């Protein structure tokens, strides 16, 4: 009986206060800086995690929408099977089930003129606004060499190359998941499906990696302006990306 009382005292005096002090939710993003080709939409994938045993109700607020004229940004809920709110809506409700996660997207539409914009979003608990998290996102179609802020996610990912558009070279970041090294192939194709260059073919350990393409084909010839596709293949996954060589 004495042992049970001691355990109860520990729970009441240590474990419960720690839980009360901890954040009820966390928020992660694949990146906060993303590049795209002029005229295409740039989409940020972020994930809200409910750290409690109860459904948590949230308020999503776009506090800064500093984007060029002709661009738009939208808050999106639920990932690929979800939906995006109208660009003029800056405050939306959302919820995450107990010990679960939900995708929150920030979609940015651009025009044909290379430019850059920034969006800041705050997530706060509906009944406790002081419990909040804030992130700022940079969307760019400029041919700059501003680098990504990447972190390991434990998933297979092919990130947008930077700069994009580019001339003459660009860097392609990607992530390999799993617990051991595996064969990884990275290939560049043109718009008609012809292989232009095999950038890498070898074994890579799990984690973040990057390769650079100098804009030349397998014979050393300079590639012409236009859209090119990046193919990332591993033993179990296949991912595609798009980039724009502008001269």
C-alpha atoms as a PDB file:
ATOM      1  CA  UNK A   1       0.000   0.000   0.000  1.00  0.00           C
ATOM      2  CA  UNK A   2       2.829   2.348   0.862  1.00  0.00           C
ATOM      3  CA  UNK A   3       4.413   1.787  -2.577  1.00  0.00           C
ATOM      4  CA  UNK A   4       1.140   2.668  -4.352  1.00  0.00           C
ATOM      5  CA  UNK A   5       0.890   5.888  -2.350  1.00  0.00           C
ATOM      6  CA  UNK A   6       4.432   6.824  -3.322  1.00  0.00           C
ATOM      7  CA  UNK A   7       3.656   6.239  -6.998  1.00  0.00           C
ATOM      8  CA  UNK A   8       0.512   8.360  -6.722  1.00  0.00           C
ATOM      9  CA  UNK A   9       2.464  11.189  -5.108  1.00  0.00           C
ATOM     10  CA  UNK A  10       5.017  11.093  -7.957  1.00  0.00           C
ATOM     11  CA  UNK A  11       2.228  11.285 -10.546  1.00  0.00           C
ATOM     12  CA  UNK A  12       0.547  14.206  -8.803  1.00  0.00           C
ATOM     13  CA  UNK A  13       3.697  16.186  -8.047  1.00  0.00           C
ATOM     14  CA  UNK A  14       5.869  15.527 -11.102  1.00  0.00           C
ATOM     15  CA  UNK A  15       4.199  14.003 -14.141  1.00  0.00           C
ATOM     16  CA  UNK A  16       0.962  15.996 -14.186  1.00  0.00           C
ATOM     17  CA  UNK A  17       2.666  19.421 -13.716  1.00  0.00           C
ATOM     18  CA  UNK A  18       5.051  18.602 -16.572  1.00  0.00           C
ATOM     19  CA  UNK A  19       2.114  17.797 -18.846  1.00  0.00           C
ATOM     20  CA  UNK A  20       0.336  20.996 -17.860  1.00  0.00           C
ATOM     21  CA  UNK A  21       3.418  23.056 -18.661  1.00  0.00           C
ATOM     22  CA  UNK A  22       4.018  21.408 -22.053  1.00  0.00           C
ATOM     23  CA  UNK A  23       2.637  22.811 -25.311  1.00  0.00           C
ATOM     24  CA  UNK A  24      -0.652  21.165 -26.285  1.00  0.00           C
ATOM     25  CA  UNK A  25       0.356  21.153 -29.946  1.00  0.00           C
ATOM     26  CA  UNK A  26       3.469  21.384 -32.095  1.00  0.00           C
ATOM     27  CA  UNK A  27       3.972  22.567 -35.668  1.00  0.00           C
ATOM     28  CA  UNK A  28       6.555  21.486 -38.236  1.00  0.00           C
ATOM     29  CA  UNK A  29       7.231  22.534 -41.831  1.00  0.00           C
ATOM     30  CA  UNK A  30       9.185  20.762 -44.565  1.00  0.00           C
ATOM     31  CA  UNK A  31      10.797  24.122 -45.328  1.00  0.00           C
ATOM     32  CA  UNK A  32      10.083  27.802 -44.760  1.00  0.00           C
ATOM     33  CA  UNK A  33      11.742  28.974 -47.989  1.00  0.00           C
ATOM     34  CA  UNK A  34      10.599  27.618 -51.329  1.00  0.00           C
ATOM     35  CA  UNK A  35      11.315  28.392 -54.969  1.00  0.00           C
ATOM     36  CA  UNK A  36       9.158  27.954 -58.044  1.00  0.00           C
ATOM     37  CA  UNK A  37       9.040  28.909 -61.681  1.00  0.00           C
ATOM     38  CA  UNK A  38       7.323  32.205 -62.555  1.00  0.00           C
ATOM     39  CA  UNK A  39       3.604  31.638 -63.059  1.00  0.00           C
ATOM     40  CA  UNK A  40       3.369  28.407 -61.025  1.00  0.00           C
ATOM     41  CA  UNK A  41       1.917  27.887 -57.565  1.00  0.00           C
ATOM     42  CA  UNK A  42       4.263  27.322 -54.618  1.00  0.00           C
ATOM     43  CA  UNK A  43       2.893  25.091 -51.849  1.00  0.00           C
ATOM     44  CA  UNK A  44       4.270  24.793 -48.320  1.00  0.00           C
ATOM     45  CA  UNK A  45       3.523  21.543 -46.479  1.00  0.00           C
ATOM     46  CA  UNK A  46       3.293  21.966 -42.710  1.00  0.00           C
ATOM     47  CA  UNK A  47       1.995  19.577 -40.040  1.00  0.00           C
ATOM     48  CA  UNK A  48       0.185  20.280 -36.769  1.00  0.00           C
ATOM     49  CA  UNK A  49       0.584  17.617 -34.051  1.00  0.00           C
ATOM     50  CA  UNK A  50      -1.917  17.276 -31.174  1.00  0.00           C
ATOM     51  CA  UNK A  51       0.059  16.272 -28.078  1.00  0.00           C
ATOM     52  CA  UNK A  52      -3.013  15.707 -25.889  1.00  0.00           C
ATOM     53  CA  UNK A  53      -5.644  13.009 -25.329  1.00  0.00           C
ATOM     54  CA  UNK A  54      -8.433  15.366 -26.425  1.00  0.00           C
ATOM     55  CA  UNK A  55      -9.414  17.069 -29.653  1.00  0.00           C
ATOM     56  CA  UNK A  56      -7.789  20.475 -29.861  1.00  0.00           C
ATOM     57  CA  UNK A  57      -9.518  23.419 -31.545  1.00  0.00           C
ATOM     58  CA  UNK A  58      -7.304  25.965 -33.256  1.00  0.00           C
ATOM     59  CA  UNK A  59      -7.429  29.305 -34.990  1.00  0.00           C
ATOM     60  CA  UNK A  60      -5.175  29.755 -38.057  1.00  0.00           C
ATOM     61  CA  UNK A  61      -4.285  33.389 -38.684  1.00  0.00           C
ATOM     62  CA  UNK A  62      -2.345  34.819 -41.624  1.00  0.00           C
ATOM     63  CA  UNK A  63      -0.811  37.843 -39.908  1.00  0.00           C
ATOM     64  CA  UNK A  64       1.467  39.001 -42.743  1.00  0.00           C
ATOM     65  CA  UNK A  65       0.690  38.721 -46.462  1.00  0.00           C
ATOM     66  CA  UNK A  66       3.551  40.672 -48.024  1.00  0.00           C
ATOM     67  CA  UNK A  67       3.326  39.421 -51.609  1.00  0.00           C
ATOM     68  CA  UNK A  68       3.713  41.205 -54.973  1.00  0.00           C
ATOM     69  CA  UNK A  69       0.729  42.575 -56.886  1.00  0.00           C
ATOM     70  CA  UNK A  70      -0.673  39.806 -59.067  1.00  0.00           C
ATOM     71  CA  UNK A  71       0.175  37.075 -56.520  1.00  0.00           C
ATOM     72  CA  UNK A  72      -2.166  35.450 -54.017  1.00  0.00           C
ATOM     73  CA  UNK A  73      -1.841  33.250 -50.949  1.00  0.00           C
ATOM     74  CA  UNK A  74      -4.338  30.847 -49.402  1.00  0.00           C
ATOM     75  CA  UNK A  75      -4.582  28.797 -46.220  1.00  0.00           C
ATOM     76  CA  UNK A  76      -5.260  25.119 -46.929  1.00  0.00           C
ATOM     77  CA  UNK A  77      -6.495  22.397 -44.575  1.00  0.00           C
ATOM     78  CA  UNK A  78      -6.159  18.630 -44.802  1.00  0.00           C
ATOM     79  CA  UNK A  79      -3.474  18.100 -47.434  1.00  0.00           C
ATOM     80  CA  UNK A  80      -4.192  16.429 -50.789  1.00  0.00           C
ATOM     81  CA  UNK A  81      -7.762  15.493 -49.833  1.00  0.00           C
ATOM     82  CA  UNK A  82      -8.468  18.807 -48.152  1.00  0.00           C
ATOM     83  CA  UNK A  83      -9.330  22.248 -49.460  1.00  0.00           C
ATOM     84  CA  UNK A  84      -7.988  25.793 -49.713  1.00  0.00           C
ATOM     85  CA  UNK A  85      -9.816  28.861 -48.466  1.00  0.00           C
ATOM     86  CA  UNK A  86     -10.319  31.924 -50.652  1.00  0.00           C
ATOM     87  CA  UNK A  87      -7.245  34.200 -50.784  1.00  0.00           C
ATOM     88  CA  UNK A  88      -9.087  37.029 -48.978  1.00  0.00           C
ATOM     89  CA  UNK A  89      -9.748  34.864 -45.879  1.00  0.00           C
ATOM     90  CA  UNK A  90      -6.982  35.363 -43.311  1.00  0.00           C
ATOM     91  CA  UNK A  91      -8.517  33.702 -40.210  1.00  0.00           C
ATOM     92  CA  UNK A  92      -9.867  30.132 -40.311  1.00  0.00           C
ATOM     93  CA  UNK A  93     -10.878  27.554 -37.689  1.00  0.00           C
ATOM     94  CA  UNK A  94      -9.370  24.082 -37.560  1.00  0.00           C
ATOM     95  CA  UNK A  95      -9.078  21.117 -35.205  1.00  0.00           C
ATOM     96  CA  UNK A  96      -6.837  18.098 -34.690  1.00  0.00           C
ATOM     97  CA  UNK A  97      -7.975  14.857 -33.089  1.00  0.00           C
ATOM     98  CA  UNK A  98      -6.326  13.405 -29.964  1.00  0.00           C
ATOM     99  CA  UNK A  99      -2.708  12.279 -30.479  1.00  0.00           C
ATOM    100  CA  UNK A 100      -3.068  12.877 -34.197  1.00  0.00           C
ATOM    101  CA  UNK A 101      -1.680  15.173 -36.876  1.00  0.00           C
ATOM    102  CA  UNK A 102      -3.155  17.309 -39.640  1.00  0.00           C
ATOM    103  CA  UNK A 103      -1.604  19.016 -42.616  1.00  0.00           C
ATOM    104  CA  UNK A 104      -1.835  22.770 -42.929  1.00  0.00           C
ATOM    105  CA  UNK A 105      -0.815  24.118 -46.328  1.00  0.00           C
ATOM    106  CA  UNK A 106       0.126  27.601 -47.449  1.00  0.00           C
ATOM    107  CA  UNK A 107      -0.467  27.968 -51.172  1.00  0.00           C
ATOM    108  CA  UNK A 108       1.101  30.887 -53.046  1.00  0.00           C
ATOM    109  CA  UNK A 109       0.125  31.787 -56.595  1.00  0.00           C
ATOM    110  CA  UNK A 110       2.665  33.729 -58.661  1.00  0.00           C
ATOM    111  CA  UNK A 111       2.727  35.564 -61.986  1.00  0.00           C
ATOM    112  CA  UNK A 112       5.178  35.510 -64.899  1.00  0.00           C
ATOM    113  CA  UNK A 113       7.426  38.231 -63.475  1.00  0.00           C
ATOM    114  CA  UNK A 114      10.150  36.839 -61.143  1.00  0.00           C
ATOM    115  CA  UNK A 115       9.609  38.172 -57.654  1.00  0.00           C
ATOM    116  CA  UNK A 116       9.500  37.223 -53.979  1.00  0.00           C
ATOM    117  CA  UNK A 117       6.964  37.429 -51.149  1.00  0.00           C
ATOM    118  CA  UNK A 118       6.677  36.514 -47.496  1.00  0.00           C
ATOM    119  CA  UNK A 119       3.738  35.211 -45.464  1.00  0.00           C
ATOM    120  CA  UNK A 120       3.547  34.860 -41.680  1.00  0.00           C
ATOM    121  CA  UNK A 121       1.051  32.498 -40.055  1.00  0.00           C
ATOM    122  CA  UNK A 122       0.158  32.107 -36.383  1.00  0.00           C
ATOM    123  CA  UNK A 123      -1.646  29.078 -34.939  1.00  0.00           C
ATOM    124  CA  UNK A 124      -3.317  29.543 -31.583  1.00  0.00           C
ATOM    125  CA  UNK A 125      -5.639  27.504 -29.380  1.00  0.00           C
ATOM    126  CA  UNK A 126      -9.224  28.632 -29.801  1.00  0.00           C
ATOM    127  CA  UNK A 127      -9.890  29.005 -26.071  1.00  0.00           C
ATOM    128  CA  UNK A 128      -6.344  30.008 -25.109  1.00  0.00           C
ATOM    129  CA  UNK A 129      -4.804  32.468 -27.626  1.00  0.00           C
ATOM    130  CA  UNK A 130      -1.674  32.814 -25.490  1.00  0.00           C
ATOM    131  CA  UNK A 131      -0.819  29.229 -26.483  1.00  0.00           C
ATOM    132  CA  UNK A 132       0.404  29.876 -30.016  1.00  0.00           C
ATOM    133  CA  UNK A 133       3.131  29.188 -32.571  1.00  0.00           C
ATOM    134  CA  UNK A 134       4.248  31.440 -35.443  1.00  0.00           C
ATOM    135  CA  UNK A 135       6.161  30.725 -38.657  1.00  0.00           C
ATOM    136  CA  UNK A 136       7.209  32.933 -41.566  1.00  0.00           C
ATOM    137  CA  UNK A 137       7.451  31.601 -45.127  1.00  0.00           C
ATOM    138  CA  UNK A 138       9.326  32.965 -48.135  1.00  0.00           C
ATOM    139  CA  UNK A 139       8.064  32.141 -51.630  1.00  0.00           C
ATOM    140  CA  UNK A 140      10.359  33.134 -54.494  1.00  0.00           C
ATOM    141  CA  UNK A 141      10.511  32.904 -58.257  1.00  0.00           C
ATOM    142  CA  UNK A 142      13.707  34.953 -58.306  1.00  0.00           C
ATOM    143  CA  UNK A 143      16.937  33.431 -59.685  1.00  0.00           C
ATOM    144  CA  UNK A 144      18.711  33.799 -56.336  1.00  0.00           C
ATOM    145  CA  UNK A 145      20.883  31.497 -54.290  1.00  0.00           C
ATOM    146  CA  UNK A 146      19.067  31.915 -50.964  1.00  0.00           C
ATOM    147  CA  UNK A 147      19.322  28.488 -49.368  1.00  0.00           C
ATOM    148  CA  UNK A 148      16.630  26.335 -47.873  1.00  0.00           C
ATOM    149  CA  UNK A 149      16.108  25.961 -44.140  1.00  0.00           C
ATOM    150  CA  UNK A 150      15.710  22.180 -44.129  1.00  0.00           C
ATOM    151  CA  UNK A 151      15.428  19.661 -41.347  1.00  0.00           C
ATOM    152  CA  UNK A 152      15.334  15.870 -41.404  1.00  0.00           C
ATOM    153  CA  UNK A 153      11.744  14.601 -41.613  1.00  0.00           C
ATOM    154  CA  UNK A 154      12.363  10.854 -41.830  1.00  0.00           C
ATOM    155  CA  UNK A 155      10.531  10.708 -45.175  1.00  0.00           C
ATOM    156  CA  UNK A 156      11.483  10.493 -48.840  1.00  0.00           C
ATOM    157  CA  UNK A 157      11.398  14.036 -50.214  1.00  0.00           C
ATOM    158  CA  UNK A 158      12.527  15.829 -53.355  1.00  0.00           C
ATOM    159  CA  UNK A 159      12.718  19.545 -52.616  1.00  0.00           C
ATOM    160  CA  UNK A 160      12.474  22.339 -55.167  1.00  0.00           C
ATOM    161  CA  UNK A 161      15.865  23.162 -56.636  1.00  0.00           C
ATOM    162  CA  UNK A 162      17.464  26.525 -55.974  1.00  0.00           C
ATOM    163  CA  UNK A 163      17.770  28.864 -57.650  1.00  0.00           C
ATOM    164  CA  UNK A 164      14.756  28.224 -59.872  1.00  0.00           C
ATOM    165  CA  UNK A 165      14.714  29.597 -62.553  1.00  0.00           C
ATOM    166  CA  UNK A 166      18.471  29.158 -62.855  1.00  0.00           C
ATOM    167  CA  UNK A 167      21.421  29.946 -65.100  1.00  0.00           C
ATOM    168  CA  UNK A 168      23.798  28.256 -65.418  1.00  0.00           C
ATOM    169  CA  UNK A 169      23.651  25.883 -62.410  1.00  0.00           C
ATOM    170  CA  UNK A 170      21.206  24.841 -59.706  1.00  0.00           C
ATOM    171  CA  UNK A 171      21.264  22.783 -56.503  1.00  0.00           C
ATOM    172  CA  UNK A 172      18.774  19.958 -55.915  1.00  0.00           C
ATOM    173  CA  UNK A 173      18.159  19.004 -52.267  1.00  0.00           C
ATOM    174  CA  UNK A 174      16.476  15.722 -51.333  1.00  0.00           C
ATOM    175  CA  UNK A 175      16.008  13.402 -48.382  1.00  0.00           C
ATOM    176  CA  UNK A 176      16.433   9.643 -48.121  1.00  0.00           C
ATOM    177  CA  UNK A 177      14.448   7.802 -45.430  1.00  0.00           C
ATOM    178  CA  UNK A 178      14.841   4.338 -43.940  1.00  0.00           C
ATOM    179  CA  UNK A 179      17.395   2.803 -41.588  1.00  0.00           C
ATOM    180  CA  UNK A 180      20.182   1.836 -43.972  1.00  0.00           C
ATOM    181  CA  UNK A 181      21.853   3.045 -47.158  1.00  0.00           C
ATOM    182  CA  UNK A 182      20.197   2.231 -50.456  1.00  0.00           C
ATOM    183  CA  UNK A 183      20.758   2.730 -54.151  1.00  0.00           C
ATOM    184  CA  UNK A 184      19.677   6.206 -55.230  1.00  0.00           C
ATOM    185  CA  UNK A 185      19.420   7.541 -58.783  1.00  0.00           C
ATOM    186  CA  UNK A 186      18.875  11.165 -59.787  1.00  0.00           C
ATOM    187  CA  UNK A 187      18.193  11.865 -63.480  1.00  0.00           C
ATOM    188  CA  UNK A 188      17.324  14.982 -65.526  1.00  0.00           C
ATOM    189  CA  UNK A 189      14.814  14.698 -68.426  1.00  0.00           C
ATOM    190  CA  UNK A 190      13.587  17.228 -70.970  1.00  0.00           C
ATOM    191  CA  UNK A 191       9.905  17.893 -71.714  1.00  0.00           C
ATOM    192  CA  UNK A 192       9.710  15.078 -74.290  1.00  0.00           C
ATOM    193  CA  UNK A 193      11.056  12.501 -71.854  1.00  0.00           C
ATOM    194  CA  UNK A 194      14.633  12.260 -73.157  1.00  0.00           C
ATOM    195  CA  UNK A 195      17.297  11.683 -70.518  1.00  0.00           C
ATOM    196  CA  UNK A 196      19.604  14.703 -70.422  1.00  0.00           C
ATOM    197  CA  UNK A 197      21.919  13.842 -67.548  1.00  0.00           C
ATOM    198  CA  UNK A 198      22.296  11.224 -64.822  1.00  0.00           C
ATOM    199  CA  UNK A 199      23.460  13.285 -61.863  1.00  0.00           C
ATOM    200  CA  UNK A 200      23.921  10.476 -59.372  1.00  0.00           C
ATOM    201  CA  UNK A 201      23.801   6.689 -59.239  1.00  0.00           C
ATOM    202  CA  UNK A 202      25.058   5.103 -56.040  1.00  0.00           C
ATOM    203  CA  UNK A 203      24.259   4.250 -52.445  1.00  0.00           C
ATOM    204  CA  UNK A 204      23.270   6.949 -49.932  1.00  0.00           C
ATOM    205  CA  UNK A 205      22.641   6.803 -46.201  1.00  0.00           C
ATOM    206  CA  UNK A 206      19.349   8.131 -44.780  1.00  0.00           C
ATOM    207  CA  UNK A 207      19.288  11.902 -44.328  1.00  0.00           C
ATOM    208  CA  UNK A 208      19.509  15.143 -46.307  1.00  0.00           C
ATOM    209  CA  UNK A 209      21.597  15.267 -49.483  1.00  0.00           C
ATOM    210  CA  UNK A 210      22.029  17.595 -52.437  1.00  0.00           C
ATOM    211  CA  UNK A 211      23.518  17.537 -55.915  1.00  0.00           C
ATOM    212  CA  UNK A 212      24.281  20.346 -58.349  1.00  0.00           C
ATOM    213  CA  UNK A 213      23.453  20.391 -62.054  1.00  0.00           C
ATOM    214  CA  UNK A 214      25.620  22.667 -64.179  1.00  0.00           C
ATOM    215  CA  UNK A 215      23.081  22.871 -67.006  1.00  0.00           C
ATOM    216  CA  UNK A 216      24.965  20.484 -69.300  1.00  0.00           C
ATOM    217  CA  UNK A 217      23.922  17.174 -70.828  1.00  0.00           C
ATOM    218  CA  UNK A 218      25.748  13.850 -70.656  1.00  0.00           C
ATOM    219  CA  UNK A 219      27.995  14.902 -73.580  1.00  0.00           C
ATOM    220  CA  UNK A 220      28.998  18.166 -71.937  1.00  0.00           C
ATOM    221  CA  UNK A 221      26.814  20.347 -74.151  1.00  0.00           C
ATOM    222  CA  UNK A 222      24.971  23.325 -72.649  1.00  0.00           C
ATOM    223  CA  UNK A 223      21.255  22.640 -72.340  1.00  0.00           C
ATOM    224  CA  UNK A 224      18.827  25.064 -73.946  1.00  0.00           C
ATOM    225  CA  UNK A 225      16.329  27.219 -72.077  1.00  0.00           C
ATOM    226  CA  UNK A 226      13.141  25.512 -70.995  1.00  0.00           C
ATOM    227  CA  UNK A 227      11.487  23.226 -68.469  1.00  0.00           C
ATOM    228  CA  UNK A 228      13.319  20.144 -67.189  1.00  0.00           C
ATOM    229  CA  UNK A 229      12.197  17.350 -64.892  1.00  0.00           C
ATOM    230  CA  UNK A 230      14.102  15.806 -61.986  1.00  0.00           C
ATOM    231  CA  UNK A 231      13.533  12.123 -61.279  1.00  0.00           C
ATOM    232  CA  UNK A 232      14.574  10.681 -57.925  1.00  0.00           C
ATOM    233  CA  UNK A 233      14.472   6.891 -57.709  1.00  0.00           C
ATOM    234  CA  UNK A 234      15.331   4.669 -54.769  1.00  0.00           C
ATOM    235  CA  UNK A 235      14.729   0.975 -54.174  1.00  0.00           C
ATOM    236  CA  UNK A 236      11.183   1.672 -52.997  1.00  0.00           C
ATOM    237  CA  UNK A 237      10.239   5.218 -54.015  1.00  0.00           C
ATOM    238  CA  UNK A 238       9.881   7.383 -57.111  1.00  0.00           C
ATOM    239  CA  UNK A 239       9.598  11.193 -56.999  1.00  0.00           C
ATOM    240  CA  UNK A 240       9.470  13.871 -59.701  1.00  0.00           C
ATOM    241  CA  UNK A 241      10.172  17.596 -59.675  1.00  0.00           C
ATOM    242  CA  UNK A 242      10.244  20.446 -62.209  1.00  0.00           C
ATOM    243  CA  UNK A 243      12.759  23.216 -62.829  1.00  0.00           C
ATOM    244  CA  UNK A 244      13.286  26.004 -65.345  1.00  0.00           C
ATOM    245  CA  UNK A 245      16.535  26.873 -67.109  1.00  0.00           C
ATOM    246  CA  UNK A 246      16.370  30.542 -68.140  1.00  0.00           C
ATOM    247  CA  UNK A 247      19.045  32.193 -70.290  1.00  0.00           C
END
